[in-house]
Amino acid sequence: MLGLAEELGNVSLACKYLGYCRDTFYRYKELFAEGGEEALGEMSRKKPNVKNRIEQEIEKRVVSFAIEHSAFGQTRASNELKKEGVFISPSVVFAAFGYATI
C-alpha cells in the first residue's frame, strides 16, 4: 500500500484502489517508519480483550455463597452478600460465578 501510494503520488487514490481508509494508511506508514516491515508483521487485527475481574477473595466468597444457597438468583445473592458487607452488583455475581466455572 505504501509503495502504491508513492508510485501514484496520491494517497487517496491508492487507498481507494486497495479498499483502505486514509487513517489506516497513515497508521501503517507510521508503523513502517518506526520498525520497518517487522513492525507491520507483528501488528494484530484483534482488539485486546480486557476483562474487568473482581478480587479473588470476593470471587471465592461469591462462589461459596452460590453453592450454599443454590436456589438464590443473582439479585438475591447480591442483596444477601451486601448484608454481609460484600458490595457487589447482581451482574458481577453472575460473572463471578461464570469465571469460577471456567
C-alpha atoms as a PDB file:
ATOM      1  CA  MET A   1       0.000   0.000   0.000  1.00  0.00           C
ATOM      2  CA  LEU A   2       2.805   2.389   0.877  1.00  0.00           C
ATOM      3  CA  GLY A   3       4.568   1.630  -2.387  1.00  0.00           C
ATOM      4  CA  LEU A   4       1.423   2.122  -4.453  1.00  0.00           C
ATOM      5  CA  ALA A   5       0.756   5.486  -2.822  1.00  0.00           C
ATOM      6  CA  GLU A   6       4.306   6.544  -3.574  1.00  0.00           C
ATOM      7  CA  GLU A   7       4.069   5.261  -7.149  1.00  0.00           C
ATOM      8  CA  LEU A   8       0.771   7.018  -7.825  1.00  0.00           C
ATOM      9  CA  GLY A   9       1.715  10.112  -5.867  1.00  0.00           C
ATOM     10  CA  ASN A  10      -1.785  10.142  -4.404  1.00  0.00           C
ATOM     11  CA  VAL A  11      -2.647   8.584  -1.052  1.00  0.00           C
ATOM     12  CA  SER A  12      -6.414   8.874  -1.529  1.00  0.00           C
ATOM     13  CA  LEU A  13      -6.318   7.093  -4.869  1.00  0.00           C
ATOM     14  CA  ALA A  14      -4.081   4.297  -3.562  1.00  0.00           C
ATOM     15  CA  CYS A  15      -6.387   3.766  -0.578  1.00  0.00           C
ATOM     16  CA  LYS A  16      -9.420   3.720  -2.858  1.00  0.00           C
ATOM     17  CA  TYR A  17      -7.845   1.068  -5.114  1.00  0.00           C
ATOM     18  CA  LEU A  18      -6.938  -1.151  -2.165  1.00  0.00           C
ATOM     19  CA  GLY A  19     -10.092  -0.565  -0.106  1.00  0.00           C
ATOM     20  CA  TYR A  20      -8.411   1.053   2.893  1.00  0.00           C
ATOM     21  CA  CYS A  21      -9.237   4.330   4.597  1.00  0.00           C
ATOM     22  CA  ARG A  22      -6.594   7.037   4.793  1.00  0.00           C
ATOM     23  CA  ASP A  23      -6.394   6.690   8.587  1.00  0.00           C
ATOM     24  CA  THR A  24      -5.236   3.105   8.123  1.00  0.00           C
ATOM     25  CA  PHE A  25      -2.688   4.218   5.535  1.00  0.00           C
ATOM     26  CA  TYR A  26      -1.148   6.746   7.887  1.00  0.00           C
ATOM     27  CA  ARG A  27      -1.152   4.253  10.775  1.00  0.00           C
ATOM     28  CA  TYR A  28       0.710   1.743   8.580  1.00  0.00           C
ATOM     29  CA  LYS A  29       3.069   4.454   7.374  1.00  0.00           C
ATOM     30  CA  GLU A  30       3.919   5.409  10.960  1.00  0.00           C
ATOM     31  CA  LEU A  31       4.467   1.769  11.956  1.00  0.00           C
ATOM     32  CA  PHE A  32       6.687   1.213   8.922  1.00  0.00           C
ATOM     33  CA  ALA A  33       8.730   4.333   9.730  1.00  0.00           C
ATOM     34  CA  GLU A  34       9.250   3.168  13.319  1.00  0.00           C
ATOM     35  CA  GLY A  35      10.028  -0.515  12.802  1.00  0.00           C
ATOM     36  CA  GLY A  36      10.070  -1.394   9.120  1.00  0.00           C
ATOM     37  CA  GLU A  37       8.331  -4.465   7.730  1.00  0.00           C
ATOM     38  CA  GLU A  38       8.745  -6.328  11.031  1.00  0.00           C
ATOM     39  CA  ALA A  39       6.508  -3.810  12.809  1.00  0.00           C
ATOM     40  CA  LEU A  40       3.806  -4.326  10.198  1.00  0.00           C
ATOM     41  CA  GLY A  41       4.079  -8.096  10.516  1.00  0.00           C
ATOM     42  CA  GLU A  42       3.718  -8.023  14.291  1.00  0.00           C
ATOM     43  CA  MET A  43       0.567  -5.930  14.100  1.00  0.00           C
ATOM     44  CA  SER A  44      -2.544  -7.747  15.263  1.00  0.00           C
ATOM     45  CA  ARG A  45      -6.027  -7.079  13.928  1.00  0.00           C
ATOM     46  CA  LYS A  46      -7.545  -8.483  17.065  1.00  0.00           C
ATOM     47  CA  LYS A  47      -8.549  -5.939  19.678  1.00  0.00           C
ATOM     48  CA  PRO A  48      -7.201  -6.631  23.143  1.00  0.00           C
ATOM     49  CA  ASN A  49      -9.672  -8.450  25.359  1.00  0.00           C
ATOM     50  CA  VAL A  50      -9.553  -6.663  28.670  1.00  0.00           C
ATOM     51  CA  LYS A  51     -11.810  -8.203  31.272  1.00  0.00           C
ATOM     52  CA  ASN A  52     -12.807  -6.462  34.432  1.00  0.00           C
ATOM     53  CA  ARG A  53     -12.039  -9.029  37.060  1.00  0.00           C
ATOM     54  CA  ILE A  54     -13.013  -8.878  40.693  1.00  0.00           C
ATOM     55  CA  GLU A  55     -10.693  -9.619  43.566  1.00  0.00           C
ATOM     56  CA  GLN A  56     -10.056 -13.297  44.090  1.00  0.00           C
ATOM     57  CA  GLU A  57     -11.264 -13.335  47.709  1.00  0.00           C
ATOM     58  CA  ILE A  58     -14.596 -11.764  46.677  1.00  0.00           C
ATOM     59  CA  GLU A  59     -14.909 -14.237  43.821  1.00  0.00           C
ATOM     60  CA  LYS A  60     -14.322 -17.135  46.237  1.00  0.00           C
ATOM     61  CA  ARG A  61     -16.925 -15.717  48.632  1.00  0.00           C
ATOM     62  CA  VAL A  62     -19.494 -15.357  45.830  1.00  0.00           C
ATOM     63  CA  VAL A  63     -18.897 -18.914  44.619  1.00  0.00           C
ATOM     64  CA  SER A  64     -19.113 -20.395  48.110  1.00  0.00           C
ATOM     65  CA  PHE A  65     -22.287 -18.384  48.753  1.00  0.00           C
ATOM     66  CA  ALA A  66     -23.795 -19.624  45.482  1.00  0.00           C
ATOM     67  CA  ILE A  67     -23.016 -23.224  46.427  1.00  0.00           C
ATOM     68  CA  GLU A  68     -24.516 -22.786  49.907  1.00  0.00           C
ATOM     69  CA  HIS A  69     -27.643 -21.069  48.557  1.00  0.00           C
ATOM     70  CA  SER A  70     -28.111 -22.614  45.129  1.00  0.00           C
ATOM     71  CA  ALA A  71     -31.798 -21.608  44.952  1.00  0.00           C
ATOM     72  CA  PHE A  72     -30.959 -17.889  45.102  1.00  0.00           C
ATOM     73  CA  GLY A  73     -30.790 -15.903  41.895  1.00  0.00           C
ATOM     74  CA  GLN A  74     -28.108 -13.354  41.190  1.00  0.00           C
ATOM     75  CA  THR A  75     -30.174 -10.426  42.545  1.00  0.00           C
ATOM     76  CA  ARG A  76     -30.997 -12.110  45.831  1.00  0.00           C
ATOM     77  CA  ALA A  77     -27.430 -13.355  46.187  1.00  0.00           C
ATOM     78  CA  SER A  78     -26.196  -9.796  45.659  1.00  0.00           C
ATOM     79  CA  ASN A  79     -28.589  -8.455  48.303  1.00  0.00           C
ATOM     80  CA  GLU A  80     -27.628 -11.149  50.819  1.00  0.00           C
ATOM     81  CA  LEU A  81     -23.915 -10.576  50.227  1.00  0.00           C
ATOM     82  CA  LYS A  82     -24.429  -6.837  50.799  1.00  0.00           C
ATOM     83  CA  LYS A  83     -25.851  -7.669  54.232  1.00  0.00           C
ATOM     84  CA  GLU A  84     -22.557  -9.462  54.933  1.00  0.00           C
ATOM     85  CA  GLY A  85     -20.509  -6.463  53.785  1.00  0.00           C
ATOM     86  CA  VAL A  86     -19.641  -7.688  50.280  1.00  0.00           C
ATOM     87  CA  PHE A  87     -20.923  -4.935  47.996  1.00  0.00           C
ATOM     88  CA  ILE A  88     -21.321  -6.468  44.569  1.00  0.00           C
ATOM     89  CA  SER A  89     -23.904  -5.982  41.818  1.00  0.00           C
ATOM     90  CA  PRO A  90     -26.114  -8.816  40.536  1.00  0.00           C
ATOM     91  CA  SER A  91     -24.372  -8.826  37.166  1.00  0.00           C
ATOM     92  CA  VAL A  92     -20.988  -9.201  38.859  1.00  0.00           C
ATOM     93  CA  VAL A  93     -22.380 -12.073  40.948  1.00  0.00           C
ATOM     94  CA  PHE A  94     -23.377 -13.767  37.711  1.00  0.00           C
ATOM     95  CA  ALA A  95     -19.988 -13.044  36.109  1.00  0.00           C
ATOM     96  CA  ALA A  96     -18.023 -14.189  39.166  1.00  0.00           C
ATOM     97  CA  PHE A  97     -19.809 -17.496  39.164  1.00  0.00           C
ATOM     98  CA  GLY A  98     -19.129 -17.816  35.434  1.00  0.00           C
ATOM     99  CA  TYR A  99     -15.413 -17.071  35.892  1.00  0.00           C
ATOM    100  CA  ALA A 100     -15.154 -19.709  38.584  1.00  0.00           C
ATOM    101  CA  THR A 101     -16.755 -22.426  36.483  1.00  0.00           C
ATOM    102  CA  ILE A 102     -14.418 -21.884  33.540  1.00  0.00           C
END
